[in-house]
C-alpha atoms as a PDB file:
ATOM      1  CA  MET A   1      -1.167  -1.968  19.815  1.00  0.00           C
ATOM      2  CA  GLN A   2      -4.230   0.506  19.908  1.00  0.00           C
ATOM      3  CA  ARG A   3      -3.984   1.435  16.414  1.00  0.00           C
ATOM      4  CA  PHE A   4      -3.750  -2.025  15.295  1.00  0.00           C
ATOM      5  CA  ALA A   5      -7.046  -2.925  17.460  1.00  0.00           C
ATOM      6  CA  GLU A   6      -9.071   0.268  15.990  1.00  0.00           C
ATOM      7  CA  LEU A   7      -8.000  -0.779  12.439  1.00  0.00           C
ATOM      8  CA  THR A   8      -9.233  -4.412  13.534  1.00  0.00           C
ATOM      9  CA  ASP A   9     -12.446  -2.919  14.446  1.00  0.00           C
ATOM     10  CA  THR A  10     -12.702  -0.904  11.226  1.00  0.00           C
ATOM     11  CA  LEU A  11     -11.870  -4.044   9.183  1.00  0.00           C
ATOM     12  CA  ASP A  12     -14.307  -6.162  11.217  1.00  0.00           C
ATOM     13  CA  ARG A  13     -17.115  -3.408  10.374  1.00  0.00           C
ATOM     14  CA  ALA A  14     -15.974  -3.251   6.831  1.00  0.00           C
ATOM     15  CA  LEU A  15     -16.662  -7.242   6.840  1.00  0.00           C
ATOM     16  CA  ALA A  16     -19.919  -6.778   8.557  1.00  0.00           C
ATOM     17  CA  GLU A  17     -21.368  -4.316   6.085  1.00  0.00           C
ATOM     18  CA  GLN A  18     -19.748  -6.151   2.907  1.00  0.00           C
ATOM     19  CA  LEU A  19     -21.655  -9.412   4.109  1.00  0.00           C
ATOM     20  CA  SER A  20     -24.892  -7.888   4.983  1.00  0.00           C
ATOM     21  CA  SER A  21     -24.921  -5.199   1.923  1.00  0.00           C
ATOM     22  CA  GLY A  22     -22.564  -6.541  -0.591  1.00  0.00           C
ATOM     23  CA  SER A  23     -20.973  -3.448  -0.545  1.00  0.00           C
ATOM     24  CA  THR A  24     -16.882  -2.963  -0.429  1.00  0.00           C
ATOM     25  CA  ASP A  25     -16.641   0.766   0.452  1.00  0.00           C
ATOM     26  CA  GLY A  26     -16.093   0.591   4.130  1.00  0.00           C
ATOM     27  CA  HIS A  27     -12.953  -1.327   3.375  1.00  0.00           C
ATOM     28  CA  MET A  28     -11.264   2.075   2.365  1.00  0.00           C
ATOM     29  CA  ALA A  29     -11.633   2.758   6.137  1.00  0.00           C
ATOM     30  CA  TRP A  30      -8.872   0.255   7.014  1.00  0.00           C
ATOM     31  CA  LEU A  31      -7.208   0.039   3.983  1.00  0.00           C
ATOM     32  CA  VAL A  32      -5.606   3.370   3.239  1.00  0.00           C
ATOM     33  CA  PRO A  33      -4.372   3.932   6.898  1.00  0.00           C
ATOM     34  CA  LEU A  34      -2.990   0.659   6.727  1.00  0.00           C
ATOM     35  CA  LEU A  35      -0.981   1.625   3.530  1.00  0.00           C
ATOM     36  CA  ASN A  36      -0.115   5.161   4.427  1.00  0.00           C
ATOM     37  CA  GLU A  37       1.077   4.280   8.521  1.00  0.00           C
ATOM     38  CA  TYR A  38       2.965   0.732   7.399  1.00  0.00           C
ATOM     39  CA  TYR A  39       3.358  -0.255   3.943  1.00  0.00           C
ATOM     40  CA  ASP A  40       4.414   2.973   2.364  1.00  0.00           C
ATOM     41  CA  PRO A  41       6.705   3.807   5.048  1.00  0.00           C
ATOM     42  CA  MET A  42       8.463   0.172   5.099  1.00  0.00           C
ATOM     43  CA  TYR A  43       8.378   0.214   1.115  1.00  0.00           C
ATOM     44  CA  ARG A  44      10.775   3.401   1.353  1.00  0.00           C
ATOM     45  CA  TYR A  45      12.729   1.992   4.229  1.00  0.00           C
ATOM     46  CA  GLN A  46      13.549  -1.008   1.825  1.00  0.00           C
ATOM     47  CA  LEU A  47      14.019   1.000  -1.188  1.00  0.00           C
ATOM     48  CA  GLU A  48      16.601   3.508   0.611  1.00  0.00           C
ATOM     49  CA  LYS A  49      18.507   0.318   1.807  1.00  0.00           C
ATOM     50  CA  LYS A  50      18.725  -0.915  -1.567  1.00  0.00           C
ATOM     51  CA  ALA A  51      19.310   2.805  -3.270  1.00  0.00           C
ATOM     52  CA  ALA A  52      22.755   1.837  -4.511  1.00  0.00           C
ATOM     53  CA  ASN A  53      21.524  -0.740  -6.109  1.00  0.00           C
ATOM     54  CA  ILE A  54      19.003   1.309  -8.657  1.00  0.00           C
ATOM     55  CA  VAL A  55      20.369   2.146 -12.122  1.00  0.00           C
ATOM     56  CA  PHE A  56      17.301   3.838 -13.321  1.00  0.00           C
ATOM     57  CA  ARG A  57      14.227   5.262 -11.836  1.00  0.00           C
ATOM     58  CA  GLY A  58      11.226   7.074 -13.904  1.00  0.00           C
ATOM     59  CA  PRO A  59       7.546   6.122 -14.914  1.00  0.00           C
ATOM     60  CA  TRP A  60       7.230   3.177 -16.576  1.00  0.00           C
ATOM     61  CA  GLN A  61       7.362   4.344 -20.365  1.00  0.00           C
ATOM     62  CA  GLU A  62      10.622   5.763 -19.251  1.00  0.00           C
ATOM     63  CA  VAL A  63      11.837   2.744 -17.998  1.00  0.00           C
ATOM     64  CA  ALA A  64      10.672   0.675 -20.632  1.00  0.00           C
ATOM     65  CA  ASN A  65      12.868   3.092 -23.140  1.00  0.00           C
ATOM     66  CA  TRP A  66      15.643   2.884 -20.757  1.00  0.00           C
ATOM     67  CA  LEU A  67      15.557  -1.061 -20.739  1.00  0.00           C
ATOM     68  CA  LYS A  68      15.112  -0.912 -25.046  1.00  0.00           C
ATOM     69  CA  ALA A  69      18.359   1.067 -24.759  1.00  0.00           C
ATOM     70  CA  GLN A  70      20.416  -1.022 -22.897  1.00  0.00           C
END
């Protein structure tokens, strides 16, 4: 709960800065930790749960080539 409060405070400061100056730079201070600490681990967890269903993995061009070959 403490981390949530920290990120919420950081978001509030970023919104205030954006309102006063128009700058969106302050949003990186809450967005990056949110992605790294919550969304990235959740994405990895969900991907691991579905690993048996993955038939090909790679950069987009390799995926496109693989799909064309199917």
